[in-house]
Amino acid sequence: MDPAFSEDYAEFIAENPEVLTVGFAVQGRSPGGGTLDDYWWVCPSCVADFAERFNWVLLDQEGPPRPSRNAKQ
């Protein structure tokens, strides 16, 4: 959820710190092969757990993926 989207979003995130504010999108690799956009959103924890297993290539990423600062540990 993007806190900059609106004041309501920012307030909701402030009241619910478990809401993720960062994530990753899968480009052109939908399960059925037909979706070429960034529809499939993946949380940072899942990227860290599964990137190697599924041969995901991370773009625009500094260092290893980490869970959001707002995510529950």
PDB file of N, CA and C in Angstrom:
ATOM      1  N   MET A   1       0.853  -1.163   0.000  1.00  0.00           N
ATOM      2  CA  MET A   1       0.000   0.000   0.000  1.00  0.00           C
ATOM      3  C   MET A   1       0.904   1.232   0.000  1.00  0.00           C
ATOM      4  N   ASP A   2       0.602   2.178  -0.825  1.00  0.00           N
ATOM      5  CA  ASP A   2       1.415   3.380  -0.969  1.00  0.00           C
ATOM      6  C   ASP A   2       0.899   4.483  -0.046  1.00  0.00           C
ATOM      7  N   PRO A   3       1.671   4.866   0.989  1.00  0.00           N
ATOM      8  CA  PRO A   3       1.208   5.903   1.910  1.00  0.00           C
ATOM      9  C   PRO A   3       1.099   7.275   1.258  1.00  0.00           C
ATOM     10  N   ALA A   4       1.765   7.474   0.123  1.00  0.00           N
ATOM     11  CA  ALA A   4       1.695   8.760  -0.567  1.00  0.00           C
ATOM     12  C   ALA A   4       0.465   8.870  -1.463  1.00  0.00           C
ATOM     13  N   PHE A   5      -0.288   7.781  -1.622  1.00  0.00           N
ATOM     14  CA  PHE A   5      -1.458   7.792  -2.500  1.00  0.00           C
ATOM     15  C   PHE A   5      -2.515   8.769  -2.009  1.00  0.00           C
ATOM     16  N   SER A   6      -2.754   8.772  -0.702  1.00  0.00           N
ATOM     17  CA  SER A   6      -3.737   9.701  -0.153  1.00  0.00           C
ATOM     18  C   SER A   6      -3.533   9.831   1.351  1.00  0.00           C
ATOM     19  N   GLU A   7      -4.152  10.822   1.930  1.00  0.00           N
ATOM     20  CA  GLU A   7      -4.085  10.991   3.382  1.00  0.00           C
ATOM     21  C   GLU A   7      -4.746   9.809   4.092  1.00  0.00           C
ATOM     22  N   ASP A   8      -5.829   9.287   3.519  1.00  0.00           N
ATOM     23  CA  ASP A   8      -6.494   8.121   4.112  1.00  0.00           C
ATOM     24  C   ASP A   8      -5.566   6.914   4.144  1.00  0.00           C
ATOM     25  N   TYR A   9      -4.829   6.692   3.051  1.00  0.00           N
ATOM     26  CA  TYR A   9      -3.888   5.567   3.007  1.00  0.00           C
ATOM     27  C   TYR A   9      -2.802   5.759   4.065  1.00  0.00           C
ATOM     28  N   ALA A  10      -2.246   6.969   4.140  1.00  0.00           N
ATOM     29  CA  ALA A  10      -1.186   7.251   5.108  1.00  0.00           C
ATOM     30  C   ALA A  10      -1.680   7.025   6.531  1.00  0.00           C
ATOM     31  N   GLU A  11      -2.891   7.454   6.819  1.00  0.00           N
ATOM     32  CA  GLU A  11      -3.467   7.269   8.147  1.00  0.00           C
ATOM     33  C   GLU A  11      -3.682   5.781   8.446  1.00  0.00           C
ATOM     34  N   PHE A  12      -4.199   5.048   7.460  1.00  0.00           N
ATOM     35  CA  PHE A  12      -4.433   3.618   7.645  1.00  0.00           C
ATOM     36  C   PHE A  12      -3.124   2.884   7.933  1.00  0.00           C
ATOM     37  N   ILE A  13      -2.086   3.204   7.188  1.00  0.00           N
ATOM     38  CA  ILE A  13      -0.788   2.559   7.379  1.00  0.00           C
ATOM     39  C   ILE A  13      -0.215   2.902   8.748  1.00  0.00           C
ATOM     40  N   ALA A  14      -0.368   4.156   9.167  1.00  0.00           N
ATOM     41  CA  ALA A  14       0.121   4.563  10.491  1.00  0.00           C
ATOM     42  C   ALA A  14      -0.596   3.787  11.596  1.00  0.00           C
ATOM     43  N   GLU A  15      -1.864   3.498  11.396  1.00  0.00           N
ATOM     44  CA  GLU A  15      -2.651   2.772  12.395  1.00  0.00           C
ATOM     45  C   GLU A  15      -2.483   1.257  12.289  1.00  0.00           C
ATOM     46  N   ASN A  16      -1.946   0.776  11.182  1.00  0.00           N
ATOM     47  CA  ASN A  16      -1.787  -0.664  10.930  1.00  0.00           C
ATOM     48  C   ASN A  16      -0.375  -0.939  10.421  1.00  0.00           C
ATOM     49  N   PRO A  17       0.619  -0.931  11.297  1.00  0.00           N
ATOM     50  CA  PRO A  17       2.006  -1.056  10.855  1.00  0.00           C
ATOM     51  C   PRO A  17       2.348  -2.390  10.179  1.00  0.00           C
ATOM     52  N   GLU A  18       1.464  -3.376  10.264  1.00  0.00           N
ATOM     53  CA  GLU A  18       1.734  -4.644   9.586  1.00  0.00           C
ATOM     54  C   GLU A  18       1.488  -4.564   8.079  1.00  0.00           C
ATOM     55  N   VAL A  19       0.860  -3.503   7.611  1.00  0.00           N
ATOM     56  CA  VAL A  19       0.588  -3.327   6.188  1.00  0.00           C
ATOM     57  C   VAL A  19       1.902  -3.066   5.454  1.00  0.00           C
ATOM     58  N   LEU A  20       2.157  -3.844   4.420  1.00  0.00           N
ATOM     59  CA  LEU A  20       3.380  -3.684   3.640  1.00  0.00           C
ATOM     60  C   LEU A  20       3.310  -2.439   2.770  1.00  0.00           C
ATOM     61  N   THR A  21       4.421  -1.729   2.685  1.00  0.00           N
ATOM     62  CA  THR A  21       4.490  -0.526   1.856  1.00  0.00           C
ATOM     63  C   THR A  21       5.496  -0.685   0.717  1.00  0.00           C
ATOM     64  N   VAL A  22       6.123  -1.856   0.624  1.00  0.00           N
ATOM     65  CA  VAL A  22       7.038  -2.161  -0.477  1.00  0.00           C
ATOM     66  C   VAL A  22       6.792  -3.590  -0.927  1.00  0.00           C
ATOM     67  N   GLY A  23       7.174  -3.879  -2.141  1.00  0.00           N
ATOM     68  CA  GLY A  23       7.027  -5.230  -2.665  1.00  0.00           C
ATOM     69  C   GLY A  23       7.676  -5.324  -4.023  1.00  0.00           C
ATOM     70  N   PHE A  24       7.496  -6.443  -4.657  1.00  0.00           N
ATOM     71  CA  PHE A  24       8.067  -6.705  -5.962  1.00  0.00           C
ATOM     72  C   PHE A  24       6.938  -7.096  -6.913  1.00  0.00           C
ATOM     73  N   ALA A  25       7.145  -6.865  -8.203  1.00  0.00           N
ATOM     74  CA  ALA A  25       6.177  -7.277  -9.219  1.00  0.00           C
ATOM     75  C   ALA A  25       6.877  -8.207 -10.200  1.00  0.00           C
ATOM     76  N   VAL A  26       6.156  -9.217 -10.635  1.00  0.00           N
ATOM     77  CA  VAL A  26       6.697 -10.175 -11.591  1.00  0.00           C
ATOM     78  C   VAL A  26       6.401  -9.657 -12.993  1.00  0.00           C
ATOM     79  N   GLN A  27       7.426  -9.554 -13.815  1.00  0.00           N
ATOM     80  CA  GLN A  27       7.265  -9.026 -15.156  1.00  0.00           C
ATOM     81  C   GLN A  27       7.191 -10.150 -16.174  1.00  0.00           C
ATOM     82  N   GLY A  28       6.024 -10.289 -16.791  1.00  0.00           N
ATOM     83  CA  GLY A  28       5.867 -11.215 -17.900  1.00  0.00           C
ATOM     84  C   GLY A  28       6.075 -12.678 -17.566  1.00  0.00           C
ATOM     85  N   ARG A  29       5.802 -13.075 -16.326  1.00  0.00           N
ATOM     86  CA  ARG A  29       5.999 -14.481 -15.970  1.00  0.00           C
ATOM     87  C   ARG A  29       4.800 -15.004 -15.198  1.00  0.00           C
ATOM     88  N   SER A  30       3.640 -14.785 -15.730  1.00  0.00           N
ATOM     89  CA  SER A  30       2.437 -15.287 -15.059  1.00  0.00           C
ATOM     90  C   SER A  30       2.385 -16.809 -15.167  1.00  0.00           C
ATOM     91  N   PRO A  31       1.671 -17.465 -14.242  1.00  0.00           N
ATOM     92  CA  PRO A  31       1.587 -18.927 -14.287  1.00  0.00           C
ATOM     93  C   PRO A  31       1.067 -19.471 -15.611  1.00  0.00           C
ATOM     94  N   GLY A  32       0.107 -18.764 -16.224  1.00  0.00           N
ATOM     95  CA  GLY A  32      -0.455 -19.228 -17.486  1.00  0.00           C
ATOM     96  C   GLY A  32       0.297 -18.752 -18.705  1.00  0.00           C
ATOM     97  N   GLY A  33       1.261 -17.860 -18.506  1.00  0.00           N
ATOM     98  CA  GLY A  33       2.070 -17.363 -19.611  1.00  0.00           C
ATOM     99  C   GLY A  33       1.428 -16.265 -20.421  1.00  0.00           C
ATOM    100  N   GLY A  34       0.172 -15.882 -20.110  1.00  0.00           N
ATOM    101  CA  GLY A  34      -0.503 -14.890 -20.929  1.00  0.00           C
ATOM    102  C   GLY A  34      -0.380 -13.457 -20.440  1.00  0.00           C
ATOM    103  N   THR A  35      -0.056 -13.249 -19.176  1.00  0.00           N
ATOM    104  CA  THR A  35       0.004 -11.899 -18.622  1.00  0.00           C
ATOM    105  C   THR A  35       1.409 -11.339 -18.759  1.00  0.00           C
ATOM    106  N   LEU A  36       1.541 -10.214 -19.443  1.00  0.00           N
ATOM    107  CA  LEU A  36       2.856  -9.620 -19.653  1.00  0.00           C
ATOM    108  C   LEU A  36       3.060  -8.345 -18.845  1.00  0.00           C
ATOM    109  N   ASP A  37       2.145  -8.024 -17.945  1.00  0.00           N
ATOM    110  CA  ASP A  37       2.304  -6.821 -17.139  1.00  0.00           C
ATOM    111  C   ASP A  37       2.823  -7.185 -15.749  1.00  0.00           C
ATOM    112  N   ASP A  38       2.766  -6.238 -14.820  1.00  0.00           N
ATOM    113  CA  ASP A  38       3.266  -6.448 -13.467  1.00  0.00           C
ATOM    114  C   ASP A  38       2.145  -6.803 -12.500  1.00  0.00           C
ATOM    115  N   TYR A  39       1.209  -7.612 -12.941  1.00  0.00           N
ATOM    116  CA  TYR A  39       0.034  -7.937 -12.132  1.00  0.00           C
ATOM    117  C   TYR A  39       0.383  -8.732 -10.880  1.00  0.00           C
ATOM    118  N   TRP A  40       1.335  -9.631 -10.962  1.00  0.00           N
ATOM    119  CA  TRP A  40       1.646 -10.549  -9.869  1.00  0.00           C
ATOM    120  C   TRP A  40       2.583  -9.880  -8.874  1.00  0.00           C
ATOM    121  N   TRP A  41       2.029  -9.436  -7.746  1.00  0.00           N
ATOM    122  CA  TRP A  41       2.790  -8.761  -6.700  1.00  0.00           C
ATOM    123  C   TRP A  41       3.335  -9.798  -5.735  1.00  0.00           C
ATOM    124  N   VAL A  42       4.605  -9.622  -5.313  1.00  0.00           N
ATOM    125  CA  VAL A  42       5.265 -10.562  -4.409  1.00  0.00           C
ATOM    126  C   VAL A  42       5.862  -9.771  -3.252  1.00  0.00           C
ATOM    127  N   CYS A  43       5.576 -10.203  -2.023  1.00  0.00           N
ATOM    128  CA  CYS A  43       6.100  -9.493  -0.854  1.00  0.00           C
ATOM    129  C   CYS A  43       7.601  -9.746  -0.716  1.00  0.00           C
ATOM    130  N   PRO A  44       8.313  -8.840  -0.036  1.00  0.00           N
ATOM    131  CA  PRO A  44       9.761  -8.997   0.119  1.00  0.00           C
ATOM    132  C   PRO A  44      10.175 -10.307   0.790  1.00  0.00           C
ATOM    133  N   SER A  45       9.417 -10.769   1.767  1.00  0.00           N
ATOM    134  CA  SER A  45       9.765 -12.026   2.438  1.00  0.00           C
ATOM    135  C   SER A  45       9.722 -13.201   1.470  1.00  0.00           C
ATOM    136  N   CYS A  46       8.711 -13.238   0.611  1.00  0.00           N
ATOM    137  CA  CYS A  46       8.602 -14.332  -0.360  1.00  0.00           C
ATOM    138  C   CYS A  46       9.694 -14.242  -1.413  1.00  0.00           C
ATOM    139  N   VAL A  47      10.062 -13.044  -1.820  1.00  0.00           N
ATOM    140  CA  VAL A  47      11.164 -12.904  -2.771  1.00  0.00           C
ATOM    141  C   VAL A  47      12.442 -13.450  -2.151  1.00  0.00           C
ATOM    142  N   ALA A  48      12.700 -13.111  -0.893  1.00  0.00           N
ATOM    143  CA  ALA A  48      13.899 -13.605  -0.223  1.00  0.00           C
ATOM    144  C   ALA A  48      13.879 -15.127  -0.131  1.00  0.00           C
ATOM    145  N   ASP A  49      12.713 -15.702   0.119  1.00  0.00           N
ATOM    146  CA  ASP A  49      12.590 -17.151   0.267  1.00  0.00           C
ATOM    147  C   ASP A  49      12.638 -17.909  -1.059  1.00  0.00           C
ATOM    148  N   PHE A  50      12.110 -17.332  -2.135  1.00  0.00           N
ATOM    149  CA  PHE A  50      11.893 -18.100  -3.359  1.00  0.00           C
ATOM    150  C   PHE A  50      12.637 -17.620  -4.602  1.00  0.00           C
ATOM    151  N   ALA A  51      13.349 -16.503  -4.548  1.00  0.00           N
ATOM    152  CA  ALA A  51      14.009 -15.984  -5.753  1.00  0.00           C
ATOM    153  C   ALA A  51      14.961 -16.997  -6.362  1.00  0.00           C
ATOM    154  N   GLU A  52      15.779 -17.624  -5.545  1.00  0.00           N
ATOM    155  CA  GLU A  52      16.730 -18.601  -6.069  1.00  0.00           C
ATOM    156  C   GLU A  52      16.008 -19.841  -6.602  1.00  0.00           C
ATOM    157  N   ARG A  53      15.039 -20.326  -5.851  1.00  0.00           N
ATOM    158  CA  ARG A  53      14.318 -21.538  -6.242  1.00  0.00           C
ATOM    159  C   ARG A  53      13.631 -21.399  -7.599  1.00  0.00           C
ATOM    160  N   PHE A  54      13.023 -20.222  -7.852  1.00  0.00           N
ATOM    161  CA  PHE A  54      12.286 -20.019  -9.098  1.00  0.00           C
ATOM    162  C   PHE A  54      13.072 -19.243 -10.139  1.00  0.00           C
ATOM    163  N   ASN A  55      14.366 -19.049  -9.900  1.00  0.00           N
ATOM    164  CA  ASN A  55      15.240 -18.342 -10.846  1.00  0.00           C
ATOM    165  C   ASN A  55      14.753 -16.944 -11.187  1.00  0.00           C
ATOM    166  N   TRP A  56      14.240 -16.239 -10.177  1.00  0.00           N
ATOM    167  CA  TRP A  56      13.814 -14.862 -10.403  1.00  0.00           C
ATOM    168  C   TRP A  56      15.026 -13.964 -10.530  1.00  0.00           C
ATOM    169  N   VAL A  57      14.955 -12.997 -11.425  1.00  0.00           N
ATOM    170  CA  VAL A  57      15.998 -12.005 -11.603  1.00  0.00           C
ATOM    171  C   VAL A  57      15.480 -10.703 -11.002  1.00  0.00           C
ATOM    172  N   LEU A  58      16.223 -10.163 -10.036  1.00  0.00           N
ATOM    173  CA  LEU A  58      15.790  -8.933  -9.373  1.00  0.00           C
ATOM    174  C   LEU A  58      16.386  -7.734 -10.095  1.00  0.00           C
ATOM    175  N   LEU A  59      15.524  -6.794 -10.466  1.00  0.00           N
ATOM    176  CA  LEU A  59      15.934  -5.567 -11.136  1.00  0.00           C
ATOM    177  C   LEU A  59      15.792  -4.401 -10.164  1.00  0.00           C
ATOM    178  N   ASP A  60      16.650  -3.428 -10.285  1.00  0.00           N
ATOM    179  CA  ASP A  60      16.575  -2.231  -9.442  1.00  0.00           C
ATOM    180  C   ASP A  60      16.539  -2.589  -7.965  1.00  0.00           C
ATOM    181  N   GLN A  61      17.394  -3.502  -7.559  1.00  0.00           N
ATOM    182  CA  GLN A  61      17.417  -3.973  -6.177  1.00  0.00           C
ATOM    183  C   GLN A  61      18.815  -3.765  -5.617  1.00  0.00           C
ATOM    184  N   GLU A  62      18.913  -3.128  -4.466  1.00  0.00           N
ATOM    185  CA  GLU A  62      20.196  -2.949  -3.801  1.00  0.00           C
ATOM    186  C   GLU A  62      20.313  -3.973  -2.684  1.00  0.00           C
ATOM    187  N   GLY A  63      21.191  -4.932  -2.845  1.00  0.00           N
ATOM    188  CA  GLY A  63      21.396  -5.944  -1.827  1.00  0.00           C
ATOM    189  C   GLY A  63      20.306  -6.993  -1.845  1.00  0.00           C
ATOM    190  N   PRO A  64      20.371  -7.948  -0.910  1.00  0.00           N
ATOM    191  CA  PRO A  64      19.366  -9.015  -0.864  1.00  0.00           C
ATOM    192  C   PRO A  64      18.013  -8.478  -0.439  1.00  0.00           C
ATOM    193  N   PRO A  65      16.937  -9.077  -0.900  1.00  0.00           N
ATOM    194  CA  PRO A  65      15.612  -8.616  -0.502  1.00  0.00           C
ATOM    195  C   PRO A  65      15.420  -8.780   0.997  1.00  0.00           C
ATOM    196  N   ARG A  66      14.750  -7.805   1.592  1.00  0.00           N
ATOM    197  CA  ARG A  66      14.449  -7.845   3.014  1.00  0.00           C
ATOM    198  C   ARG A  66      12.982  -7.542   3.203  1.00  0.00           C
ATOM    199  N   PRO A  67      12.382  -8.040   4.282  1.00  0.00           N
ATOM    200  CA  PRO A  67      10.984  -7.715   4.576  1.00  0.00           C
ATOM    201  C   PRO A  67      10.839  -6.212   4.800  1.00  0.00           C
ATOM    202  N   SER A  68       9.646  -5.710   4.532  1.00  0.00           N
ATOM    203  CA  SER A  68       9.347  -4.301   4.763  1.00  0.00           C
ATOM    204  C   SER A  68       9.578  -3.950   6.222  1.00  0.00           C
ATOM    205  N   ARG A  69       9.945  -2.713   6.471  1.00  0.00           N
ATOM    206  CA  ARG A  69      10.132  -2.266   7.852  1.00  0.00           C
ATOM    207  C   ARG A  69       8.820  -2.349   8.626  1.00  0.00           C
ATOM    208  N   ASN A  70       7.713  -2.407   7.900  1.00  0.00           N
ATOM    209  CA  ASN A  70       6.405  -2.471   8.556  1.00  0.00           C
ATOM    210  C   ASN A  70       5.896  -3.897   8.715  1.00  0.00           C
ATOM    211  N   ALA A  71       6.573  -4.852   8.105  1.00  0.00           N
ATOM    212  CA  ALA A  71       6.065  -6.232   8.136  1.00  0.00           C
ATOM    213  C   ALA A  71       6.291  -6.867   9.503  1.00  0.00           C
ATOM    214  N   LYS A  72       5.371  -7.754   9.884  1.00  0.00           N
ATOM    215  CA  LYS A  72       5.538  -8.505  11.111  1.00  0.00           C
ATOM    216  C   LYS A  72       6.675  -9.501  10.925  1.00  0.00           C
ATOM    217  N   GLN A  73       7.492  -9.647  11.900  1.00  0.00           N
ATOM    218  CA  GLN A  73       8.610 -10.589  11.840  1.00  0.00           C
ATOM    219  C   GLN A  73       8.230 -11.903  12.449  1.00  0.00           C
TER     220      GLN A  73
END
